[in-house]
């Protein structure tokens, strides 16, 4: 599914990481599972061939929210561009993609570093809401 969403806000989480919150009337249609990712591109950020540069980002928010969140580390080019977006900017996404989601269990162990925590955020909420025991090594 392809959607055009709007930057609601960006939140500085650490000196290098920003949480980019996207919203739009069709965000509920995304229908993702915690742990999945989306492709992200902006029409005005193009590469050498004049095609928009597209990158993959894990969804860091829960499926029942009216927005999606992406944890983006300060990098070069497109990551820096996404971090610097202002409220109201249009962002294109497609997806969701991936088979990385929770399987039924009574205990979960999550190991992450940096923005690798992003897919675990909604997965941990899902596990805790199901009454599972959760350990996170970060």
N, C-alpha and C. Protein backbone atom coordinates (compact mmCIF):
# COMPACT_ATOMS: atom_id res chain seq x y z
N UNK A 1 0.83 -1.17 0.00
CA UNK A 1 0.00 0.00 0.00
C UNK A 1 0.88 1.24 0.00
N UNK A 2 0.53 2.22 -0.81
CA UNK A 2 1.27 3.49 -0.85
C UNK A 2 0.41 4.58 -0.22
N UNK A 3 1.03 5.36 0.65
CA UNK A 3 0.34 6.47 1.32
C UNK A 3 1.21 7.71 1.29
N UNK A 4 0.55 8.86 1.26
CA UNK A 4 1.25 10.11 1.48
C UNK A 4 0.81 10.62 2.85
N UNK A 5 1.79 10.75 3.75
CA UNK A 5 1.52 11.20 5.10
C UNK A 5 2.17 12.54 5.33
N UNK A 6 1.83 13.17 6.43
CA UNK A 6 2.33 14.49 6.78
C UNK A 6 3.11 14.42 8.08
N UNK A 7 4.23 15.11 8.14
CA UNK A 7 5.00 15.17 9.38
C UNK A 7 4.17 15.93 10.41
N UNK A 8 3.85 15.26 11.50
CA UNK A 8 3.14 15.90 12.61
C UNK A 8 4.13 16.65 13.49
N UNK A 9 5.26 15.95 13.79
CA UNK A 9 6.31 16.55 14.61
C UNK A 9 7.53 15.66 14.58
N UNK A 10 8.66 16.23 14.99
CA UNK A 10 9.87 15.45 15.22
C UNK A 10 10.29 15.68 16.67
N UNK A 11 10.75 14.62 17.30
CA UNK A 11 11.13 14.68 18.70
C UNK A 11 12.58 14.23 18.83
N UNK A 12 13.42 15.07 19.42
CA UNK A 12 14.83 14.73 19.63
C UNK A 12 14.91 13.72 20.78
N UNK A 13 15.23 12.47 20.48
CA UNK A 13 15.29 11.41 21.49
C UNK A 13 16.66 11.34 22.14
N UNK A 14 17.71 11.46 21.33
CA UNK A 14 19.10 11.47 21.81
C UNK A 14 19.82 12.52 20.96
N UNK A 15 21.08 12.80 21.24
CA UNK A 15 21.78 13.78 20.41
C UNK A 15 21.82 13.42 18.92
N UNK A 16 21.73 12.12 18.58
CA UNK A 16 21.81 11.70 17.18
C UNK A 16 20.50 11.14 16.61
N UNK A 17 19.50 10.92 17.44
CA UNK A 17 18.29 10.23 16.99
C UNK A 17 17.06 11.11 17.18
N UNK A 18 16.26 11.16 16.12
CA UNK A 18 14.97 11.84 16.18
C UNK A 18 13.86 10.86 15.87
N UNK A 19 12.76 11.06 16.55
CA UNK A 19 11.54 10.32 16.28
C UNK A 19 10.71 11.19 15.34
N UNK A 20 10.41 10.68 14.16
CA UNK A 20 9.61 11.41 13.20
C UNK A 20 8.21 10.82 13.23
N UNK A 21 7.24 11.64 13.61
CA UNK A 21 5.84 11.20 13.73
C UNK A 21 5.07 11.66 12.50
N UNK A 22 4.46 10.69 11.80
CA UNK A 22 3.71 10.95 10.57
C UNK A 22 2.24 10.65 10.79
N UNK A 23 1.39 11.50 10.20
CA UNK A 23 -0.05 11.29 10.33
C UNK A 23 -0.74 11.52 8.99
N UNK A 24 -1.97 11.10 8.92
CA UNK A 24 -2.77 11.29 7.71
C UNK A 24 -4.07 10.54 7.86
N UNK A 25 -5.06 10.90 7.06
CA UNK A 25 -6.37 10.26 7.19
C UNK A 25 -6.36 8.76 6.88
N UNK A 26 -5.39 8.30 6.11
CA UNK A 26 -5.35 6.89 5.71
C UNK A 26 -4.37 6.05 6.52
N UNK A 27 -3.78 6.61 7.57
CA UNK A 27 -2.74 5.88 8.31
C UNK A 27 -3.28 4.57 8.88
N UNK A 28 -4.55 4.51 9.24
CA UNK A 28 -5.13 3.27 9.78
C UNK A 28 -5.16 2.16 8.73
N UNK A 29 -5.16 2.52 7.47
CA UNK A 29 -5.18 1.53 6.39
C UNK A 29 -3.84 0.80 6.26
N UNK A 30 -2.80 1.31 6.90
CA UNK A 30 -1.48 0.69 6.81
C UNK A 30 -1.50 -0.75 7.33
N UNK A 31 -2.26 -0.99 8.40
CA UNK A 31 -2.51 -2.35 8.88
C UNK A 31 -1.23 -3.16 9.02
N UNK A 32 -0.33 -2.70 9.88
CA UNK A 32 0.95 -3.38 10.08
C UNK A 32 0.98 -4.16 11.38
N UNK A 33 1.91 -5.08 11.46
CA UNK A 33 2.19 -5.80 12.70
C UNK A 33 3.42 -5.19 13.35
N UNK A 34 3.47 -5.14 14.69
CA UNK A 34 4.69 -4.68 15.34
C UNK A 34 5.90 -5.47 14.84
N UNK A 35 6.95 -4.74 14.45
CA UNK A 35 8.17 -5.36 13.94
C UNK A 35 8.35 -5.16 12.44
N UNK A 36 7.30 -4.75 11.74
CA UNK A 36 7.41 -4.57 10.29
C UNK A 36 8.03 -3.21 9.96
N UNK A 37 8.36 -3.02 8.68
CA UNK A 37 8.99 -1.79 8.21
C UNK A 37 8.25 -1.23 7.01
N UNK A 38 8.56 0.03 6.70
CA UNK A 38 7.99 0.71 5.54
C UNK A 38 9.12 1.31 4.69
N UNK A 39 8.84 1.47 3.41
CA UNK A 39 9.72 2.23 2.53
C UNK A 39 9.33 3.69 2.61
N UNK A 40 10.31 4.58 2.64
CA UNK A 40 10.05 6.02 2.80
C UNK A 40 10.78 6.79 1.71
N UNK A 41 10.09 7.75 1.11
CA UNK A 41 10.73 8.64 0.14
C UNK A 41 9.98 9.97 0.11
N UNK A 42 10.69 10.99 -0.35
CA UNK A 42 10.11 12.33 -0.53
C UNK A 42 10.36 12.74 -1.98
N UNK A 43 9.33 13.29 -2.61
CA UNK A 43 9.42 13.62 -4.03
C UNK A 43 10.54 14.60 -4.35
N UNK A 44 10.88 15.46 -3.39
CA UNK A 44 11.90 16.48 -3.68
C UNK A 44 13.31 16.08 -3.25
N UNK A 45 13.51 14.83 -2.85
CA UNK A 45 14.85 14.35 -2.51
C UNK A 45 15.18 13.23 -3.50
N UNK A 46 15.94 13.58 -4.53
CA UNK A 46 16.19 12.65 -5.63
C UNK A 46 17.67 12.32 -5.74
N UNK A 47 17.96 11.19 -6.36
CA UNK A 47 19.32 10.75 -6.58
C UNK A 47 19.83 11.18 -7.94
N UNK A 48 20.94 10.59 -8.34
CA UNK A 48 21.59 10.95 -9.60
C UNK A 48 20.69 10.74 -10.82
N UNK A 49 19.83 9.76 -10.77
CA UNK A 49 18.97 9.45 -11.91
C UNK A 49 17.63 10.20 -11.88
N UNK A 50 17.55 11.19 -11.00
CA UNK A 50 16.34 12.01 -10.82
C UNK A 50 15.14 11.22 -10.30
N UNK A 51 15.39 10.06 -9.71
CA UNK A 51 14.34 9.29 -9.06
C UNK A 51 14.46 9.51 -7.56
N UNK A 52 13.32 9.59 -6.86
CA UNK A 52 13.39 9.77 -5.40
C UNK A 52 14.19 8.65 -4.73
N UNK A 53 14.98 9.03 -3.76
CA UNK A 53 15.73 8.06 -2.96
C UNK A 53 14.77 7.46 -1.94
N UNK A 54 14.75 6.16 -1.88
CA UNK A 54 13.83 5.43 -0.99
C UNK A 54 14.65 4.61 -0.02
N UNK A 55 14.29 4.68 1.27
CA UNK A 55 14.98 3.92 2.31
C UNK A 55 13.95 3.19 3.17
N UNK A 56 14.40 2.13 3.82
CA UNK A 56 13.56 1.33 4.71
C UNK A 56 13.75 1.76 6.15
N UNK A 57 12.65 1.87 6.89
CA UNK A 57 12.69 2.20 8.31
C UNK A 57 11.67 1.34 9.05
N UNK A 58 12.08 0.80 10.20
CA UNK A 58 11.16 0.05 11.03
C UNK A 58 10.13 0.98 11.64
N UNK A 59 8.93 0.48 11.77
CA UNK A 59 7.86 1.26 12.41
C UNK A 59 8.05 1.15 13.92
N UNK A 60 8.14 2.29 14.59
CA UNK A 60 8.41 2.32 16.02
C UNK A 60 7.16 2.55 16.87
N UNK A 61 6.02 2.69 16.23
CA UNK A 61 4.77 2.96 16.96
C UNK A 61 3.88 1.73 16.94
N UNK A 62 2.84 1.78 17.75
CA UNK A 62 1.89 0.68 17.82
C UNK A 62 0.84 0.80 16.72
N UNK A 63 0.31 -0.33 16.27
CA UNK A 63 -0.64 -0.31 15.16
C UNK A 63 -1.93 0.48 15.42
N UNK A 64 -2.36 0.58 16.65
CA UNK A 64 -3.66 1.23 16.93
C UNK A 64 -3.56 2.75 17.09
N UNK A 65 -2.40 3.34 16.82
CA UNK A 65 -2.25 4.79 16.92
C UNK A 65 -2.79 5.48 15.66
N UNK A 66 -3.04 6.76 15.76
CA UNK A 66 -3.51 7.55 14.61
C UNK A 66 -2.32 8.13 13.84
N UNK A 67 -1.12 7.62 14.10
CA UNK A 67 0.11 8.09 13.47
C UNK A 67 1.08 6.92 13.41
N UNK A 68 2.16 7.07 12.64
CA UNK A 68 3.26 6.12 12.73
C UNK A 68 4.52 6.90 13.10
N UNK A 69 5.42 6.22 13.77
CA UNK A 69 6.66 6.83 14.19
C UNK A 69 7.84 6.07 13.61
N UNK A 70 8.86 6.83 13.22
CA UNK A 70 10.11 6.28 12.71
C UNK A 70 11.25 6.82 13.54
N UNK A 71 12.15 5.96 14.03
CA UNK A 71 13.35 6.39 14.75
C UNK A 71 14.46 6.52 13.70
N UNK A 72 14.97 7.73 13.55
CA UNK A 72 15.96 7.98 12.50
C UNK A 72 17.24 8.53 13.12
N UNK A 73 18.33 7.78 12.89
CA UNK A 73 19.64 8.21 13.37
C UNK A 73 20.20 9.27 12.43
N UNK A 74 20.94 10.22 13.00
CA UNK A 74 21.58 11.25 12.19
C UNK A 74 22.62 10.59 11.31
N UNK A 75 22.43 10.70 10.06
CA UNK A 75 23.37 10.13 9.10
C UNK A 75 23.63 11.17 8.04
N UNK A 76 23.96 10.69 6.87
CA UNK A 76 24.20 11.58 5.75
C UNK A 76 22.99 11.52 4.84
N UNK A 77 22.90 12.46 3.99
CA UNK A 77 21.92 12.51 2.91
C UNK A 77 20.48 12.34 3.40
N UNK A 78 19.83 11.22 3.03
CA UNK A 78 18.39 11.11 3.24
C UNK A 78 18.01 11.05 4.72
N UNK A 79 18.79 10.37 5.55
CA UNK A 79 18.47 10.32 6.98
C UNK A 79 18.53 11.72 7.60
N UNK A 80 19.54 12.49 7.26
CA UNK A 80 19.64 13.86 7.76
C UNK A 80 18.47 14.70 7.25
N UNK A 81 18.12 14.50 5.98
CA UNK A 81 16.99 15.22 5.39
C UNK A 81 15.70 14.92 6.16
N UNK A 82 15.45 13.63 6.45
CA UNK A 82 14.24 13.26 7.19
C UNK A 82 14.23 13.84 8.59
N UNK A 83 15.38 13.84 9.25
CA UNK A 83 15.44 14.39 10.60
C UNK A 83 15.10 15.88 10.62
N UNK A 84 15.42 16.58 9.56
CA UNK A 84 15.24 18.02 9.52
C UNK A 84 13.89 18.46 8.96
N UNK A 85 13.00 17.51 8.65
CA UNK A 85 11.69 17.89 8.11
C UNK A 85 10.90 18.67 9.15
N UNK A 86 10.10 19.59 8.68
CA UNK A 86 9.26 20.39 9.57
C UNK A 86 7.83 19.91 9.49
N UNK A 87 7.05 20.25 10.50
CA UNK A 87 5.64 19.87 10.53
C UNK A 87 4.95 20.34 9.26
N UNK A 88 4.13 19.48 8.70
CA UNK A 88 3.40 19.80 7.49
C UNK A 88 4.03 19.28 6.21
N UNK A 89 5.28 18.82 6.28
CA UNK A 89 5.95 18.29 5.09
C UNK A 89 5.34 16.95 4.71
N UNK A 90 5.19 16.71 3.42
CA UNK A 90 4.63 15.46 2.91
C UNK A 90 5.72 14.41 2.76
N UNK A 91 5.41 13.19 3.18
CA UNK A 91 6.32 12.06 3.10
C UNK A 91 5.54 10.89 2.51
N UNK A 92 6.16 10.17 1.59
CA UNK A 92 5.53 9.00 0.98
C UNK A 92 6.04 7.74 1.65
N UNK A 93 5.14 6.80 1.89
CA UNK A 93 5.54 5.50 2.42
C UNK A 93 4.84 4.41 1.63
N UNK A 94 5.45 3.24 1.63
CA UNK A 94 4.77 2.06 1.13
C UNK A 94 5.09 0.90 2.06
N UNK A 95 4.24 -0.09 2.04
CA UNK A 95 4.40 -1.23 2.92
C UNK A 95 3.09 -1.56 3.58
N UNK A 96 3.11 -2.25 4.64
CA UNK A 96 4.26 -2.71 5.42
C UNK A 96 4.91 -3.93 4.79
N UNK A 97 6.17 -4.14 5.19
CA UNK A 97 6.95 -5.26 4.69
C UNK A 97 7.59 -6.01 5.86
N UNK A 98 7.99 -7.24 5.60
CA UNK A 98 8.76 -8.03 6.56
C UNK A 98 7.95 -9.03 7.34
N UNK A 99 8.66 -10.07 7.77
CA UNK A 99 8.06 -11.15 8.56
C UNK A 99 8.60 -11.18 9.98
N UNK A 100 9.11 -10.05 10.44
CA UNK A 100 9.70 -9.97 11.78
C UNK A 100 8.63 -9.48 12.73
N UNK A 101 7.90 -10.41 13.32
CA UNK A 101 6.89 -10.05 14.30
C UNK A 101 6.86 -11.13 15.38
N UNK A 102 6.14 -10.86 16.46
CA UNK A 102 6.11 -11.78 17.59
C UNK A 102 5.37 -13.06 17.25
N UNK A 103 5.94 -14.15 17.71
CA UNK A 103 5.25 -15.43 17.68
C UNK A 103 4.81 -15.69 19.12
N UNK A 104 3.74 -16.42 19.33
CA UNK A 104 3.25 -16.65 20.70
C UNK A 104 4.32 -17.25 21.60
N UNK A 105 4.50 -16.67 22.77
CA UNK A 105 5.45 -17.15 23.77
C UNK A 105 5.09 -16.56 25.13
N UNK A 106 5.64 -17.17 26.19
CA UNK A 106 5.41 -16.65 27.54
C UNK A 106 6.53 -15.71 27.97
N UNK A 107 7.70 -15.85 27.32
CA UNK A 107 8.86 -15.01 27.64
C UNK A 107 9.51 -14.55 26.34
N UNK A 108 10.00 -13.31 26.37
CA UNK A 108 10.71 -12.75 25.22
C UNK A 108 12.00 -12.10 25.69
N UNK A 109 13.05 -12.24 24.89
CA UNK A 109 14.32 -11.56 25.11
C UNK A 109 14.59 -10.71 23.89
N UNK A 110 14.73 -9.41 24.09
CA UNK A 110 15.03 -8.47 23.01
C UNK A 110 16.44 -7.92 23.25
N UNK A 111 17.27 -7.89 22.20
CA UNK A 111 18.62 -7.34 22.28
C UNK A 111 18.74 -6.31 21.17
N UNK A 112 19.03 -5.06 21.54
CA UNK A 112 19.09 -3.99 20.54
C UNK A 112 20.13 -2.96 20.93
N UNK A 113 20.53 -2.18 19.94
CA UNK A 113 21.40 -1.05 20.14
C UNK A 113 21.02 0.04 19.16
N UNK A 114 21.21 1.27 19.54
CA UNK A 114 20.89 2.39 18.65
C UNK A 114 19.44 2.38 18.19
N UNK A 115 19.23 2.70 16.91
CA UNK A 115 17.87 2.74 16.38
C UNK A 115 17.32 1.34 16.12
N UNK A 116 18.13 0.31 16.39
CA UNK A 116 17.64 -1.06 16.31
C UNK A 116 16.56 -1.35 17.33
N UNK A 117 16.35 -0.42 18.24
CA UNK A 117 15.27 -0.54 19.22
C UNK A 117 13.90 -0.29 18.59
N UNK A 118 13.88 0.38 17.44
CA UNK A 118 12.62 0.81 16.82
C UNK A 118 11.59 -0.30 16.64
N UNK A 119 11.91 -1.43 16.02
CA UNK A 119 10.87 -2.44 15.85
C UNK A 119 10.46 -3.10 17.16
N UNK A 120 11.36 -3.04 18.16
CA UNK A 120 11.04 -3.67 19.45
C UNK A 120 10.05 -2.86 20.28
N UNK A 121 10.00 -1.55 20.08
CA UNK A 121 9.09 -0.72 20.88
C UNK A 121 7.65 -1.24 20.81
N UNK A 122 7.06 -1.38 19.62
CA UNK A 122 5.68 -1.88 19.59
C UNK A 122 5.59 -3.38 19.94
N UNK A 123 6.66 -4.14 19.66
CA UNK A 123 6.64 -5.56 20.00
C UNK A 123 6.62 -5.76 21.51
N UNK A 124 7.36 -4.94 22.24
CA UNK A 124 7.39 -5.04 23.70
C UNK A 124 6.03 -4.69 24.28
N UNK A 125 5.40 -3.64 23.76
CA UNK A 125 4.05 -3.29 24.22
C UNK A 125 3.08 -4.45 23.97
N UNK A 126 3.17 -5.05 22.79
CA UNK A 126 2.30 -6.17 22.45
C UNK A 126 2.51 -7.34 23.41
N UNK A 127 3.77 -7.66 23.69
CA UNK A 127 4.08 -8.78 24.59
C UNK A 127 3.58 -8.50 26.00
N UNK A 128 3.83 -7.30 26.50
CA UNK A 128 3.39 -6.95 27.85
C UNK A 128 1.86 -6.96 27.95
N UNK A 129 1.19 -6.44 26.93
CA UNK A 129 -0.28 -6.45 26.93
C UNK A 129 -0.85 -7.86 26.92
N UNK A 130 -0.07 -8.82 26.39
CA UNK A 130 -0.50 -10.22 26.37
C UNK A 130 -0.12 -10.96 27.66
N UNK A 131 0.53 -10.24 28.59
CA UNK A 131 0.89 -10.85 29.87
C UNK A 131 2.21 -11.62 29.84
N UNK A 132 3.01 -11.45 28.82
CA UNK A 132 4.28 -12.15 28.71
C UNK A 132 5.37 -11.47 29.54
N UNK A 133 6.39 -12.24 29.86
CA UNK A 133 7.57 -11.70 30.54
C UNK A 133 8.53 -11.17 29.48
N UNK A 134 9.05 -9.96 29.70
CA UNK A 134 9.90 -9.32 28.69
C UNK A 134 11.22 -8.89 29.33
N UNK A 135 12.32 -9.22 28.64
CA UNK A 135 13.65 -8.74 29.02
C UNK A 135 14.23 -8.00 27.82
N UNK A 136 14.73 -6.81 28.08
CA UNK A 136 15.36 -6.01 27.04
C UNK A 136 16.79 -5.72 27.43
N UNK A 137 17.74 -6.09 26.55
CA UNK A 137 19.15 -5.72 26.71
C UNK A 137 19.43 -4.66 25.68
N UNK A 138 19.75 -3.46 26.15
CA UNK A 138 19.99 -2.34 25.23
C UNK A 138 21.34 -1.74 25.50
